[in-house]
Protein backbone atom coordinates (compact mmCIF):
# COMPACT_ATOMS: atom_id res chain seq x y z
CA MET A 1 38.79 42.56 40.89
CA ASN A 2 39.72 39.68 43.21
CA LYS A 3 40.67 36.18 42.17
CA ASN A 4 37.35 34.58 43.18
CA LYS A 5 35.30 36.97 41.01
CA ILE A 6 37.56 36.31 38.02
CA LEU A 7 37.14 32.55 38.47
CA MET A 8 33.36 32.94 38.74
CA MET A 9 33.25 35.00 35.53
CA ILE A 10 35.36 32.43 33.66
CA SER A 11 33.16 29.60 34.97
CA GLY A 12 30.05 31.49 33.86
CA VAL A 13 31.41 31.97 30.35
CA PHE A 14 32.23 28.26 30.05
CA LEU A 15 28.78 27.34 31.42
CA MET A 16 27.02 29.58 28.90
CA ARG A 17 29.06 28.11 26.05
CA ARG A 18 28.30 24.59 27.26
CA LEU A 19 24.58 25.29 27.52
CA LYS A 20 24.65 26.81 24.05
CA PHE A 21 26.44 23.74 22.68
CA VAL A 22 23.96 21.39 24.38
CA SER A 23 21.02 23.39 23.01
CA ILE A 24 22.41 23.26 19.47
CA PHE A 25 23.08 19.53 19.82
CA MET A 26 19.54 18.85 21.07
CA LEU A 27 18.07 20.91 18.24
CA LEU A 28 20.09 19.00 15.64
CA ALA A 29 19.09 15.70 17.21
CA LEU A 30 15.43 16.73 17.12
CA LEU A 31 15.63 17.79 13.48
CA LEU A 32 17.45 14.60 12.55
CA GLY A 33 14.87 12.54 14.37
CA LEU A 34 12.02 14.26 12.55
CA SER A 35 13.81 13.73 9.25
CA LEU A 36 14.31 10.04 9.92
CA GLN A 37 10.70 9.72 11.03
CA THR A 38 9.51 11.29 7.79
CA ARG A 39 11.63 8.98 5.67
CA ALA A 40 10.57 5.93 7.67
CA GLY A 41 6.92 6.27 6.73
CA SER A 42 6.67 8.05 3.41
CA TYR A 43 4.17 6.03 1.39
CA ASN A 44 3.31 8.27 -1.58
CA ARG A 45 -0.29 7.52 -2.48
CA ASP A 46 -0.30 9.78 -5.52
CA THR A 47 2.74 8.07 -7.06
CA GLY A 48 1.43 4.58 -6.39
CA VAL A 49 -2.00 5.31 -7.85
CA ALA A 50 -0.51 7.13 -10.86
CA TRP A 51 1.38 3.93 -11.69
CA ILE A 52 -1.61 1.61 -11.58
CA ASP A 53 -3.75 4.17 -13.41
CA ALA A 54 -1.21 4.13 -16.24
CA HIS A 55 -1.15 0.32 -16.33
CA ALA A 56 -4.76 -0.63 -15.71
CA HIS A 57 -5.00 -2.35 -19.09
CA ASP A 58 -1.45 -3.54 -19.69
CA ARG A 59 1.33 -5.55 -18.06
CA PRO A 60 4.51 -3.46 -17.56
CA SER A 61 7.87 -5.18 -17.90
CA ASP A 62 8.96 -3.79 -14.51
CA TYR A 63 7.08 -6.63 -12.83
CA PRO A 64 6.16 -10.25 -13.57
CA ASN A 65 3.04 -10.98 -15.59
CA TYR A 66 0.40 -13.34 -14.24
CA GLY A 67 -1.80 -13.25 -17.31
CA SER A 68 -4.54 -11.12 -18.79
CA GLY A 69 -8.23 -11.50 -19.49
CA ALA A 70 -11.00 -12.80 -17.28
CA GLY A 71 -9.17 -15.95 -16.21
CA CYS A 72 -5.84 -14.42 -15.23
CA ASN A 73 -4.29 -14.20 -11.77
CA ASP A 74 -2.68 -10.74 -11.76
CA CYS A 75 -4.86 -8.83 -9.28
CA THR A 76 -2.60 -9.10 -6.22
CA ASN A 77 0.52 -8.45 -8.28
CA TYR A 78 -1.19 -5.29 -9.54
CA VAL A 79 -2.02 -4.05 -6.01
CA ASN A 80 1.53 -4.78 -4.85
CA GLN A 81 2.86 -2.68 -7.71
CA MET A 82 0.93 0.26 -6.30
CA LEU A 83 2.48 -0.26 -2.86
CA ASP A 84 5.93 -0.69 -4.36
CA LYS A 85 5.81 2.41 -6.56
CA GLY A 86 4.34 4.38 -3.65
CA GLY A 87 7.43 3.60 -1.59
CA TYR A 88 6.16 0.94 0.79
CA PRO A 89 9.30 -1.21 1.17
CA GLN A 90 9.80 -4.82 0.21
CA ARG A 91 10.97 -7.34 2.81
CA GLU A 92 13.38 -9.89 1.44
CA GLY A 93 13.87 -13.18 3.20
CA ASN A 94 12.05 -16.49 3.34
CA ASP A 95 8.99 -17.05 1.21
CA ASP A 96 6.53 -16.84 4.08
CA ILE A 97 3.84 -14.53 5.46
CA TRP A 98 6.44 -12.26 7.12
CA HIS A 99 8.18 -11.31 3.87
CA ARG A 100 7.12 -9.60 0.66
CA TYR A 101 9.44 -9.13 -2.30
CA CYS A 102 9.66 -9.07 -6.08
CA TYR A 103 12.93 -8.58 -7.95
CA LYS A 104 14.69 -9.86 -11.03
CA LYS A 105 18.08 -11.52 -10.81
CA TRP A 106 18.44 -13.52 -14.01
CA TRP A 107 14.81 -14.50 -13.40
CA TRP A 108 11.94 -13.20 -11.30
CA ARG A 109 12.12 -13.99 -7.59
CA VAL A 110 8.71 -13.36 -6.07
CA SER A 111 7.22 -14.16 -2.69
CA GLU A 112 3.79 -15.73 -2.49
CA THR A 113 2.63 -12.65 -0.58
CA TRP A 114 3.24 -10.66 -3.77
CA TYR A 115 0.85 -12.59 -6.04
CA ASN A 116 -1.49 -14.48 -3.70
CA ALA A 117 -4.36 -12.47 -2.16
CA ASP A 118 -4.76 -14.70 0.90
CA LYS A 119 -1.02 -14.61 1.64
CA LEU A 120 -0.99 -10.80 1.24
CA ASN A 121 -3.82 -10.68 3.79
CA TRP A 122 -1.74 -12.76 6.21
CA TYR A 123 1.24 -10.48 5.59
CA ALA A 124 -0.79 -7.35 6.40
CA ALA A 125 -2.03 -9.05 9.58
CA GLN A 126 1.55 -9.59 10.78
CA TYR A 127 2.22 -5.84 10.63
CA GLN A 128 -1.22 -4.64 11.67
CA GLY A 129 -1.02 -1.54 13.82
CA SER A 130 2.46 -0.47 12.75
CA GLU A 131 2.14 -0.53 8.95
CA PHE A 132 -1.43 -1.55 8.17
CA GLU A 133 -4.84 -0.90 9.65
CA TYR A 134 -7.91 -3.04 9.01
CA ARG A 135 -11.02 -0.93 8.58
CA GLY A 136 -14.66 -1.89 8.71
CA TRP A 137 -15.62 -1.48 5.06
CA PRO A 138 -13.95 -0.48 1.75
CA ASP A 139 -15.74 2.87 1.65
CA GLN A 140 -13.68 3.83 4.73
CA LEU A 141 -10.45 3.49 2.77
CA GLU A 142 -8.34 6.20 1.18
CA LYS A 143 -6.55 6.71 -2.09
CA GLY A 144 -3.70 4.21 -2.28
CA ASP A 145 -5.31 1.63 0.04
CA PHE A 146 -6.64 -1.74 -1.09
CA TYR A 147 -9.19 -4.36 -0.19
CA LEU A 148 -9.39 -8.12 -0.59
CA MET A 149 -12.41 -10.30 -1.27
CA ASP A 150 -13.43 -13.91 -0.86
CA LEU A 151 -15.31 -14.71 -4.05
CA ARG A 152 -15.01 -18.50 -4.22
CA ASN A 153 -13.50 -21.63 -2.78
CA ASN A 154 -9.74 -21.40 -3.30
CA ASP A 155 -9.24 -25.15 -3.16
CA ASN A 156 -12.07 -25.98 -5.56
CA PRO A 157 -12.44 -23.61 -8.56
CA ASN A 158 -15.82 -25.15 -9.37
CA ASP A 159 -17.25 -24.16 -5.99
CA PRO A 160 -18.51 -20.53 -6.03
CA ASN A 161 -19.01 -20.41 -2.26
CA PRO A 162 -16.56 -18.37 -0.14
CA ASP A 163 -14.17 -20.39 1.98
CA GLY A 164 -12.87 -17.69 4.33
CA LYS A 165 -9.73 -17.03 2.29
CA ALA A 166 -9.08 -13.92 0.21
CA ASP A 167 -8.83 -14.62 -3.51
CA HIS A 168 -9.20 -11.23 -5.22
CA ALA A 169 -7.69 -7.76 -4.73
CA ARG A 170 -8.75 -4.27 -5.73
CA ALA A 171 -6.90 -0.97 -5.31
CA ILE A 172 -8.65 2.17 -4.09
CA VAL A 173 -7.73 5.16 -6.28
CA GLY A 174 -9.74 7.89 -4.56
CA TRP A 175 -12.86 9.94 -5.24
CA ASN A 176 -13.48 11.03 -8.82
CA TRP A 177 -15.80 10.63 -11.78
CA THR A 178 -16.31 7.07 -12.97
CA SER A 179 -14.95 5.78 -16.26
CA THR A 180 -17.13 5.93 -19.38
CA ASN A 181 -15.09 3.33 -21.32
CA SER A 182 -16.89 0.09 -22.11
CA GLU A 183 -13.78 -2.06 -21.51
CA ASP A 184 -13.84 -1.06 -17.83
CA TYR A 185 -17.31 -2.56 -17.32
CA TYR A 186 -17.20 -5.70 -19.46
CA PRO A 187 -19.48 -7.62 -19.72
CA ASP A 188 -21.93 -5.02 -18.38
CA PRO A 189 -23.05 -1.92 -20.28
CA VAL A 190 -21.53 1.41 -19.26
CA PRO A 191 -23.58 2.88 -16.38
CA PRO A 192 -24.32 6.61 -16.05
CA GLN A 193 -21.26 8.54 -14.95
CA GLN A 194 -21.18 9.37 -11.24
CA TRP A 195 -18.89 10.81 -8.58
CA ALA A 196 -17.75 7.88 -6.45
CA LEU A 197 -14.98 6.21 -4.50
CA LEU A 198 -13.13 4.47 -7.32
CA SER A 199 -11.16 1.28 -7.65
CA ASN A 200 -8.86 -0.34 -10.18
CA GLN A 201 -8.17 -4.02 -10.68
CA HIS A 202 -6.59 -6.58 -12.95
CA CYS A 203 -8.45 -9.67 -14.09
CA THR A 204 -10.87 -8.53 -15.39
CA ASP A 205 -9.00 -5.24 -15.96
CA ARG A 206 -10.91 -2.19 -14.77
CA TRP A 207 -10.03 1.49 -14.40
CA HIS A 208 -11.95 4.00 -12.25
CA VAL A 209 -15.05 1.98 -11.55
CA PRO A 210 -17.05 2.28 -8.29
CA TRP A 211 -15.33 0.33 -5.52
CA ASP A 212 -18.28 -2.08 -5.26
CA PHE A 213 -18.87 -2.64 -8.99
CA ARG A 214 -20.03 -6.23 -9.65
CA VAL A 215 -19.40 -7.26 -6.04
CA PRO A 216 -22.44 -8.47 -4.05
CA GLY A 217 -22.78 -6.97 -0.61
CA SER A 218 -22.59 -10.41 0.99
CA VAL A 219 -19.04 -11.09 -0.25
CA PRO A 220 -16.54 -11.20 2.66
CA ARG A 221 -13.91 -8.45 2.45
CA TRP A 222 -10.82 -7.19 4.20
CA SER A 223 -10.37 -3.42 3.98
CA ILE A 224 -6.72 -2.50 4.47
CA HIS A 225 -5.31 0.97 5.04
CA ILE A 226 -1.57 1.57 4.63
CA LYS A 227 -0.12 3.46 7.61
CA TRP A 228 3.49 3.54 6.40
């Protein structure tokens, strides 16, 4: 065997090894990329809804308490708990519409987007397309989504007319049979049980009621799907 053939064989061996190495590297990079992509958007709807289902009628110490009963202001805090427990990340920073956080360091430090429905709506709008998607109507939402309503004038509590700003939040918990507990329908009587798209809320606290219970069809709403 002459020298040129030997050199060609050696070059071929090195080329095959190099191609094999490159193939393995590309495969690892692809797998790593898929893994990172999965972790980057892993909102767990079941976990988030399980949390708010368990705390529909109480105020867990894991989060601040904005009151109880008909006159409380805990609805947006309650919805944010669902997002938080489901794995949608907090954004620490300035208390503005680009950040959303709630943590305890000697005392509770909470952004307005965490407890104010209108500010949460503005926050979702900043990340529309990448993390949130506005849909046409609440019945187009999925388990673990939420919707906001404009029930009154935010600047004048005595004015029942909507003012274009969200002031109430409800969480969508999926399709199932409606609750038969009277406390979930107060002050109305318990309606016949039905299979429906259900919602939970705080203030007044409700568990597994139809998504449109006690909400007139004319009330402005923002239906928000989590894409994370």
